[in-house]
């Protein structure tokens, strides 16, 4: 039973790390779009969408990693 609980904790940490990486990629992509934007409506919409998704993924990944306790 203890190994099952440890596997679940490792899965949570892995998923938290994956969400964090996806959030970082989303924020970097938002910065790339922002640097090359000309102020069109389509550019602003994509900035908002990718920025919000990047922040949500990044914050949820960080909180999932922090909330998962290491039990060795």
Protein backbone atom coordinates (compact mmCIF):
# COMPACT_ATOMS: atom_id res chain seq x y z
CA UNK A 1 0.00 0.00 0.00
CA UNK A 2 2.86 2.33 0.77
CA UNK A 3 4.39 1.92 -2.70
CA UNK A 4 1.04 2.75 -4.32
CA UNK A 5 0.87 5.98 -2.33
CA UNK A 6 4.45 6.84 -3.33
CA UNK A 7 3.64 6.18 -7.00
CA UNK A 8 0.66 8.52 -6.80
CA UNK A 9 2.83 11.21 -5.21
CA UNK A 10 5.45 10.80 -7.93
CA UNK A 11 2.72 11.07 -10.58
CA UNK A 12 1.47 14.29 -8.99
CA UNK A 13 4.98 15.75 -8.98
CA UNK A 14 5.50 14.71 -12.61
CA UNK A 15 2.19 16.25 -13.66
CA UNK A 16 3.01 19.41 -11.71
CA UNK A 17 6.35 19.68 -13.46
CA UNK A 18 4.71 19.14 -16.84
CA UNK A 19 2.15 21.88 -16.15
CA UNK A 20 4.93 24.21 -15.05
CA UNK A 21 6.90 23.61 -18.24
CA UNK A 22 3.78 24.12 -20.37
CA UNK A 23 3.11 27.37 -18.53
CA UNK A 24 6.65 28.61 -19.15
CA UNK A 25 6.36 27.73 -22.85
CA UNK A 26 3.04 29.59 -23.04
CA UNK A 27 4.51 32.68 -21.40
CA UNK A 28 7.56 32.63 -23.70
CA UNK A 29 5.28 32.29 -26.72
CA UNK A 30 3.26 35.24 -25.44
CA UNK A 31 6.45 37.30 -25.23
CA UNK A 32 7.39 36.32 -28.80
CA UNK A 33 3.96 37.36 -30.06
CA UNK A 34 4.19 40.61 -28.09
CA UNK A 35 7.59 41.43 -29.59
CA UNK A 36 6.31 40.95 -33.14
CA UNK A 37 2.86 42.44 -32.78
CA UNK A 38 1.59 45.29 -34.90
CA UNK A 39 -1.46 46.05 -32.75
CA UNK A 40 -4.09 44.21 -34.77
CA UNK A 41 -7.12 42.72 -33.05
CA UNK A 42 -5.99 39.18 -33.84
CA UNK A 43 -2.61 39.82 -32.18
CA UNK A 44 -4.19 41.23 -29.04
CA UNK A 45 -6.59 38.29 -28.74
CA UNK A 46 -3.78 35.76 -29.06
CA UNK A 47 -1.70 37.69 -26.52
CA UNK A 48 -4.53 37.54 -24.00
CA UNK A 49 -5.36 33.87 -24.64
CA UNK A 50 -1.80 32.54 -24.52
CA UNK A 51 -0.87 34.79 -21.62
CA UNK A 52 -3.78 33.68 -19.45
CA UNK A 53 -3.27 30.00 -20.30
CA UNK A 54 0.45 30.30 -19.57
CA UNK A 55 -0.18 31.92 -16.19
CA UNK A 56 -2.85 29.36 -15.23
CA UNK A 57 -0.68 26.38 -16.20
CA UNK A 58 2.39 27.82 -14.51
CA UNK A 59 0.64 28.66 -11.23
CA UNK A 60 -1.23 25.34 -11.04
CA UNK A 61 1.96 23.39 -11.75
CA UNK A 62 3.94 25.24 -9.10
CA UNK A 63 1.19 24.79 -6.51
CA UNK A 64 0.86 21.08 -7.31
CA UNK A 65 4.60 20.53 -6.87
CA UNK A 66 4.68 22.51 -3.64
CA UNK A 67 1.62 20.77 -2.16
CA UNK A 68 2.94 17.25 -2.83
CA UNK A 69 4.98 15.97 0.10
CA UNK A 70 8.10 13.87 -0.34
CA UNK A 71 7.79 10.59 1.50
CA UNK A 72 10.94 8.55 1.21
